Amino acid sequence: MGFFTLILLTSSCFLGKAAGKLQVQAEPSLVKAAVGDDVLLNCIFTVDEPTVDLSRLSILWFHWGRQLAEFDGVVTTSGEGVSLSREELGNGNASLLISRVGTGNSGNYRCYVAYTPEVRIREVTLQVADPEEDLEDSFSSPCLSRSDILSKLGQIEEAVKQLEAKLQELVTSKSATRCSSEVASPSMPEPSR
């Protein structure tokens, strides 16, 4: 079963209780920095509730198909110099801080915000320039061989599979909790005497 099919099935459990509540902004969508800078990649979200219910919230940040940060009750990061503030999540701020960026940090970053049962994805592009490199070298793109391209595609495919599995697990566990309270318990027959 595909992830989006699962989302549709799960959301029917809520019968519109949370429909349209989640909004996410990632502005600016292009961030420019120099080598050594600290960079904040914005991912701001709002919900139509007085406060953010952190038990319904999950955040994932990816770069080049690799997960950098996650919030699912606790913040975990897998990249050095990468941080996500748990305190700010309660204020609708899922921004990612990257300390002392290098040219390898350039590229597209994806912020996945799940507020059960809704999921929104925003992309931010980071361009890191090295002032010590020639201007031509900093903006040229290297040619990739066929095997390099296939390798990158394999990494992307694996990352998508991991993301689908994680989001499916998240939606299943959180929707099962909500749906179980809405399903009537079958009555038990009295024991015979």
Protein backbone atom coordinates (compact mmCIF):
# COMPACT_ATOMS: atom_id res chain seq x y z
CA MET A 1 0.00 0.00 0.00
CA GLY A 2 1.38 3.39 -0.98
CA PHE A 3 2.01 6.11 1.55
CA PHE A 4 -0.58 8.50 0.13
CA THR A 5 -3.22 5.75 0.06
CA LEU A 6 -2.45 5.13 3.72
CA ILE A 7 -2.86 8.85 4.46
CA LEU A 8 -6.27 8.90 2.75
CA LEU A 9 -7.45 5.81 4.63
CA THR A 10 -6.15 7.12 7.93
CA SER A 11 -7.69 10.55 7.48
CA SER A 12 -11.12 8.98 6.98
CA CYS A 13 -10.86 7.92 10.63
CA PHE A 14 -10.87 11.59 11.62
CA LEU A 15 -13.77 12.58 9.32
CA GLY A 16 -12.33 16.01 8.69
CA LYS A 17 -11.44 16.84 12.28
CA ALA A 18 -8.01 18.15 11.25
CA ALA A 19 -8.54 18.87 7.55
CA GLY A 20 -6.84 22.01 6.33
CA LYS A 21 -5.26 22.89 9.66
CA LEU A 22 -1.58 22.53 8.73
CA GLN A 23 0.23 25.23 6.76
CA VAL A 24 3.99 25.31 6.17
CA GLN A 25 6.26 28.06 4.83
CA ALA A 26 9.92 27.78 3.88
CA GLU A 27 10.97 31.33 3.03
CA PRO A 28 13.27 32.28 1.53
CA SER A 29 13.38 29.23 -0.75
CA LEU A 30 16.96 30.11 -1.77
CA VAL A 31 19.57 30.75 0.92
CA LYS A 32 23.08 31.92 -0.02
CA ALA A 33 26.02 31.59 2.35
CA ALA A 34 29.81 31.57 2.40
CA VAL A 35 31.98 28.74 3.66
CA GLY A 36 32.13 28.85 7.46
CA ASP A 37 28.79 30.63 7.96
CA ASP A 38 26.08 29.39 10.30
CA VAL A 39 22.87 29.01 8.30
CA LEU A 40 19.23 28.77 9.36
CA LEU A 41 16.95 27.01 6.87
CA ASN A 42 13.44 28.19 7.68
CA CYS A 43 10.49 25.83 7.98
CA ILE A 44 7.64 27.56 9.80
CA PHE A 45 4.28 25.86 10.33
CA THR A 46 0.90 26.83 11.76
CA VAL A 47 -2.04 24.80 12.96
CA ASP A 48 -5.59 25.96 13.64
CA GLU A 49 -5.32 25.28 17.36
CA PRO A 50 -4.26 27.52 20.26
CA THR A 51 -1.11 25.45 20.85
CA VAL A 52 0.86 22.85 18.91
CA ASP A 53 0.16 19.34 20.21
CA LEU A 54 3.66 17.83 20.04
CA SER A 55 2.23 14.31 20.31
CA ARG A 56 0.68 14.83 16.85
CA LEU A 57 3.82 16.39 15.35
CA SER A 58 6.67 14.77 13.42
CA ILE A 59 9.43 16.59 11.56
CA LEU A 60 11.97 15.20 9.08
CA TRP A 61 14.78 17.10 7.31
CA PHE A 62 16.58 15.55 4.32
CA HIS A 63 19.54 16.61 2.15
CA TRP A 64 20.59 14.60 -0.92
CA GLY A 65 18.33 11.75 0.20
CA ARG A 66 20.00 11.54 3.62
CA GLN A 67 18.03 12.20 6.79
CA LEU A 68 19.64 14.97 8.85
CA ALA A 69 17.15 15.60 11.65
CA GLU A 70 13.95 14.15 13.03
CA PHE A 71 11.39 14.97 15.69
CA ASP A 72 8.99 12.25 16.81
CA GLY A 73 8.63 13.05 20.48
CA VAL A 74 12.39 13.66 20.74
CA VAL A 75 14.85 15.43 18.48
CA THR A 76 17.49 13.26 16.82
CA THR A 77 20.12 14.42 14.34
CA SER A 78 22.44 12.40 12.16
CA GLY A 79 24.62 15.18 10.84
CA GLU A 80 27.45 16.95 12.62
CA GLY A 81 26.74 20.64 13.08
CA VAL A 82 23.00 20.19 12.46
CA SER A 83 20.38 21.09 15.07
CA LEU A 84 16.63 21.35 15.47
CA SER A 85 15.14 23.08 18.52
CA ARG A 86 12.49 21.10 20.41
CA GLU A 87 11.43 24.27 22.26
CA GLU A 88 10.85 26.13 18.98
CA LEU A 89 8.71 23.29 17.60
CA GLY A 90 6.05 24.22 20.14
CA ASN A 91 6.04 27.71 18.56
CA GLY A 92 5.63 26.36 15.03
CA ASN A 93 9.31 26.66 14.12
CA ALA A 94 10.90 23.57 12.56
CA SER A 95 13.89 25.47 11.13
CA LEU A 96 17.18 23.63 10.73
CA LEU A 97 20.42 25.23 11.93
CA ILE A 98 23.61 24.19 10.15
CA SER A 99 26.84 25.34 11.77
CA ARG A 100 29.95 26.24 9.78
CA VAL A 101 28.70 25.25 6.33
CA GLY A 102 31.00 24.01 3.58
CA THR A 103 30.48 23.63 -0.16
CA GLY A 104 29.26 20.06 0.48
CA ASN A 105 26.25 21.54 2.28
CA SER A 106 25.01 23.11 -0.97
CA GLY A 107 21.87 21.63 -2.51
CA ASN A 108 18.20 21.08 -1.87
CA TYR A 109 16.86 20.44 1.63
CA ARG A 110 13.39 19.07 2.31
CA CYS A 111 11.39 19.75 5.43
CA TYR A 112 8.58 17.24 6.07
CA VAL A 113 6.01 18.39 8.62
CA ALA A 114 3.42 15.83 9.73
CA TYR A 115 0.64 16.98 12.03
CA THR A 116 -1.57 13.92 12.21
CA PRO A 117 -3.19 13.21 9.81
CA GLU A 118 -1.75 15.87 7.48
CA VAL A 119 1.71 15.99 5.88
CA ARG A 120 3.31 18.98 4.13
CA ILE A 121 6.69 19.14 2.38
CA ARG A 122 8.70 22.27 1.66
CA GLU A 123 12.03 22.63 -0.09
CA VAL A 124 14.85 25.10 0.57
CA THR A 125 17.95 25.42 -1.61
CA LEU A 126 21.26 26.30 -0.01
CA GLN A 127 24.10 27.73 -2.11
CA VAL A 128 27.46 27.84 -0.37
CA ALA A 129 30.23 29.77 -2.12
CA ASP A 130 33.89 29.48 -1.27
CA PRO A 131 35.50 32.91 -1.67
CA GLU A 132 38.90 31.27 -2.15
CA GLU A 133 37.79 29.37 -5.26
CA ASP A 134 37.61 30.96 -8.67
CA LEU A 135 34.12 32.24 -9.49
CA GLU A 136 33.99 29.87 -12.48
CA ASP A 137 34.83 26.85 -10.32
CA SER A 138 32.23 27.65 -7.65
CA PHE A 139 29.32 27.69 -10.07
CA SER A 140 30.31 24.98 -12.53
CA SER A 141 28.64 21.62 -12.23
CA PRO A 142 30.74 18.49 -12.55
CA CYS A 143 29.86 15.95 -15.22
CA LEU A 144 28.66 12.69 -13.74
CA SER A 145 29.27 9.30 -15.29
CA ARG A 146 26.40 6.89 -15.94
CA SER A 147 27.45 4.77 -12.93
CA ASP A 148 27.55 7.87 -10.68
CA ILE A 149 24.04 8.83 -11.78
CA LEU A 150 22.74 5.29 -11.19
CA SER A 151 24.42 5.24 -7.78
CA LYS A 152 22.78 8.58 -6.82
CA LEU A 153 19.39 7.33 -8.07
CA GLY A 154 19.80 4.20 -5.95
CA GLN A 155 20.54 6.35 -2.89
CA ILE A 156 17.51 8.52 -3.59
CA GLU A 157 15.28 5.48 -4.06
CA GLU A 158 16.49 4.00 -0.75
CA ALA A 159 15.90 7.31 1.05
CA VAL A 160 12.36 7.53 -0.34
CA LYS A 161 11.66 3.97 0.82
CA GLN A 162 12.96 4.82 4.31
CA LEU A 163 10.86 7.98 4.40
CA GLU A 164 7.71 6.13 3.28
CA ALA A 165 8.27 3.46 5.92
CA LYS A 166 8.87 6.05 8.66
CA LEU A 167 5.82 8.12 7.71
CA GLN A 168 3.67 4.99 7.36
CA GLU A 169 4.78 3.86 10.82
CA LEU A 170 4.06 7.32 12.22
CA VAL A 171 0.61 7.63 10.66
CA THR A 172 -0.33 4.07 11.57
CA SER A 173 0.70 4.39 15.21
CA LYS A 174 -0.89 7.80 15.74
CA SER A 175 -4.10 7.03 13.83
CA ALA A 176 -4.53 3.67 15.55
CA THR A 177 -4.51 5.45 18.90
CA ARG A 178 -7.12 7.97 17.76
CA CYS A 179 -9.31 5.45 15.90
CA SER A 180 -9.34 2.92 18.74
CA SER A 181 -11.18 5.37 20.97
CA GLU A 182 -13.86 5.83 18.30
CA VAL A 183 -14.57 2.14 17.71
CA ALA A 184 -17.17 0.57 20.01
CA SER A 185 -15.97 -2.42 22.01
CA PRO A 186 -17.88 -5.65 21.30
CA SER A 187 -19.92 -6.79 24.29
CA MET A 188 -18.68 -9.88 26.04
CA PRO A 189 -21.16 -12.69 26.78
CA GLU A 190 -21.60 -13.50 30.44
CA PRO A 191 -19.97 -16.74 31.54
CA SER A 192 -22.37 -19.67 31.85
CA ARG A 193 -23.09 -21.00 35.31
